[in-house]
Protein backbone atom coordinates (compact mmCIF):
# COMPACT_ATOMS: atom_id res chain seq x y z
CA UNK A 1 41.52 24.61 -9.29
CA UNK A 2 45.31 24.66 -9.16
CA UNK A 3 47.19 21.97 -7.30
CA UNK A 4 50.06 23.64 -5.43
CA UNK A 5 52.70 21.95 -3.29
CA UNK A 6 55.66 23.37 -1.41
CA UNK A 7 59.14 21.89 -1.23
CA UNK A 8 60.85 22.86 2.04
CA UNK A 9 64.49 22.24 2.91
CA UNK A 10 66.55 24.23 5.40
CA UNK A 11 65.50 27.84 4.89
CA UNK A 12 64.23 27.16 1.36
CA UNK A 13 60.50 27.00 0.59
CA UNK A 14 59.56 26.72 -3.09
CA UNK A 15 56.12 26.50 -4.67
CA UNK A 16 55.34 24.05 -7.50
CA UNK A 17 52.22 23.81 -9.66
CA UNK A 18 51.21 20.23 -10.30
CA UNK A 19 49.67 19.12 -13.58
CA UNK A 20 46.54 16.97 -13.91
CA UNK A 21 48.30 13.63 -14.45
CA UNK A 22 47.24 10.60 -12.47
CA UNK A 23 50.69 10.50 -10.86
CA UNK A 24 50.38 14.13 -9.70
CA UNK A 25 47.02 13.33 -8.10
CA UNK A 26 48.52 10.29 -6.38
CA UNK A 27 51.38 12.47 -5.11
CA UNK A 28 48.92 14.90 -3.56
CA UNK A 29 47.20 12.03 -1.74
CA UNK A 30 50.38 11.01 0.14
CA UNK A 31 51.39 14.49 1.35
CA UNK A 32 52.86 15.61 3.67
CA UNK A 33 56.07 13.61 3.45
CA UNK A 34 59.73 13.86 4.40
CA UNK A 35 62.88 12.32 2.98
CA UNK A 36 66.65 12.79 2.66
CA UNK A 37 67.97 14.62 -0.39
CA UNK A 38 70.18 13.00 -2.98
CA UNK A 39 71.91 15.11 -5.66
CA UNK A 40 72.87 14.20 -9.23
CA UNK A 41 74.30 17.28 -10.91
CA UNK A 42 71.40 19.71 -11.44
CA UNK A 43 68.87 17.30 -9.98
CA UNK A 44 67.57 16.76 -6.48
CA UNK A 45 65.82 13.46 -5.89
CA UNK A 46 64.48 11.48 -2.96
CA UNK A 47 62.42 8.33 -2.39
CA UNK A 48 58.68 8.64 -1.85
CA UNK A 49 56.08 5.98 -0.98
CA UNK A 50 54.34 6.07 -4.36
CA UNK A 51 53.70 3.18 -6.72
CA UNK A 52 52.78 4.65 -10.10
CA UNK A 53 53.34 3.62 -13.70
CA UNK A 54 55.15 5.80 -16.20
CA UNK A 55 52.88 8.35 -17.91
CA UNK A 56 54.13 9.95 -21.13
CA UNK A 57 57.73 9.25 -20.14
CA UNK A 58 60.38 11.87 -20.86
CA UNK A 59 64.13 11.93 -20.40
CA UNK A 60 64.86 15.43 -21.69
CA UNK A 61 63.34 17.93 -19.27
CA UNK A 62 63.00 21.63 -18.62
CA UNK A 63 64.69 23.51 -15.79
CA UNK A 64 62.11 23.67 -13.00
CA UNK A 65 60.33 20.41 -13.82
CA UNK A 66 59.33 18.09 -10.97
CA UNK A 67 58.90 14.45 -11.99
CA UNK A 68 58.41 10.92 -10.69
CA UNK A 69 60.88 8.15 -11.59
CA UNK A 70 58.97 4.84 -11.24
CA UNK A 71 61.91 2.37 -11.10
CA UNK A 72 63.40 4.15 -8.07
CA UNK A 73 60.10 5.37 -6.59
CA UNK A 74 61.74 8.79 -6.45
CA UNK A 75 60.58 12.34 -6.89
CA UNK A 76 63.04 14.39 -8.96
CA UNK A 77 63.42 18.16 -9.19
CA UNK A 78 65.47 19.43 -12.13
CA UNK A 79 67.32 22.76 -11.92
CA UNK A 80 70.24 22.33 -14.34
CA UNK A 81 72.28 19.88 -16.39
CA UNK A 82 72.74 16.38 -15.00
CA UNK A 83 75.63 13.98 -15.69
CA UNK A 84 73.49 12.52 -18.53
CA UNK A 85 72.97 15.94 -20.20
CA UNK A 86 74.42 16.72 -23.61
CA UNK A 87 73.60 20.44 -23.43
CA UNK A 88 72.23 22.94 -20.86
CA UNK A 89 68.96 21.01 -20.38
CA UNK A 90 68.44 18.46 -17.61
CA UNK A 91 68.34 14.84 -18.72
CA UNK A 92 66.96 12.17 -16.41
CA UNK A 93 68.71 8.82 -15.84
CA UNK A 94 65.66 7.16 -17.42
CA UNK A 95 62.12 8.03 -18.42
CA UNK A 96 60.16 10.02 -15.83
CA UNK A 97 56.59 11.26 -15.48
CA UNK A 98 56.50 15.05 -15.27
CA UNK A 99 54.06 15.98 -12.50
CA UNK A 100 54.56 19.73 -12.41
CA UNK A 101 56.79 22.76 -12.70
CA UNK A 102 58.22 25.42 -10.42
CA UNK A 103 55.76 28.29 -9.96
CA UNK A 104 58.34 31.10 -10.25
CA UNK A 105 61.44 30.70 -12.42
CA UNK A 106 63.33 33.11 -10.17
CA UNK A 107 63.22 30.44 -7.43
CA UNK A 108 65.46 28.08 -9.43
CA UNK A 109 68.53 29.49 -7.68
CA UNK A 110 67.08 28.45 -4.32
CA UNK A 111 67.24 24.80 -5.40
CA UNK A 112 71.03 25.05 -5.78
CA UNK A 113 71.27 25.74 -2.02
CA UNK A 114 69.86 22.31 -1.15
CA UNK A 115 72.62 19.89 -0.15
CA UNK A 116 73.05 16.12 -0.27
CA UNK A 117 71.66 14.44 2.85
CA UNK A 118 69.48 17.34 4.02
CA UNK A 119 65.96 16.63 5.21
CA UNK A 120 63.33 17.73 2.69
CA UNK A 121 59.57 18.05 3.15
CA UNK A 122 56.69 18.26 0.71
CA UNK A 123 53.51 19.91 1.94
CA UNK A 124 50.29 21.33 0.53
């Protein structure tokens, strides 16, 4: 069975497929949730009430990855280069646990519409 979540912000609603990591399962257990968006280049992030350890930490990510950053208890969505990037790929500020990926690559452009300070929701 696939674990699907939706990220909703303004008029944007994007589907993500979660992987089978322990962190992804913990994320599912705390939904729905709302937060305020922060932006860091091609990354959207926001705090979530999740206490999880790093699993197979990565800093170099793929466009469309959704990940959890344990030190900041933040969920991060990567859609382009960040200030830490050295090429076109997103690079996190520190190791993150990848919990899933965008379901349709063509929705990446929708993430660019999300602005700093907007309310964002995650639902199943």
